[in-house]
Amino acid sequence: MNVFIPLVIGVLLGYILRRGEMKLNVEIPVSVAMLAMIFFLGVKTGEVQVNGLWLLGISTLFAVATIAGSLLLALGVRT
C-alpha cells in the first residue's frame, strides 16, 4: 500500500481546513490510531522468533566495539 497518497491528501486537507472557519478536533482519532498501531506493532514483534542469547552477545559485542572505536578516535584526535 502506498502511504504517500493518504499523506498528501491529509496535508492538503489540513491546509484547506486551516484557512477556513471550520475546525476539526482530530486529537482523539489520532490517539486511537497511534495506540492501535503500537498494539499491532507489538503483535507483529511477538510473532518473530529470535535466539535471545545470541542476540544479546552480538549486541554486547557491537556496543563494546563502538565504545572502543570512539575512545580510540578521541585519543587520536586529541594528540
Foldseek 3Di string as FASTA:
>chain_A
DDPVVVVVVVVVVVVVCVPDPDDDDCPVVVVVVVVVVVVVVVVVVVVDDDDVVVVVVVVVVVVVVVVVVVVVVVVVVVD
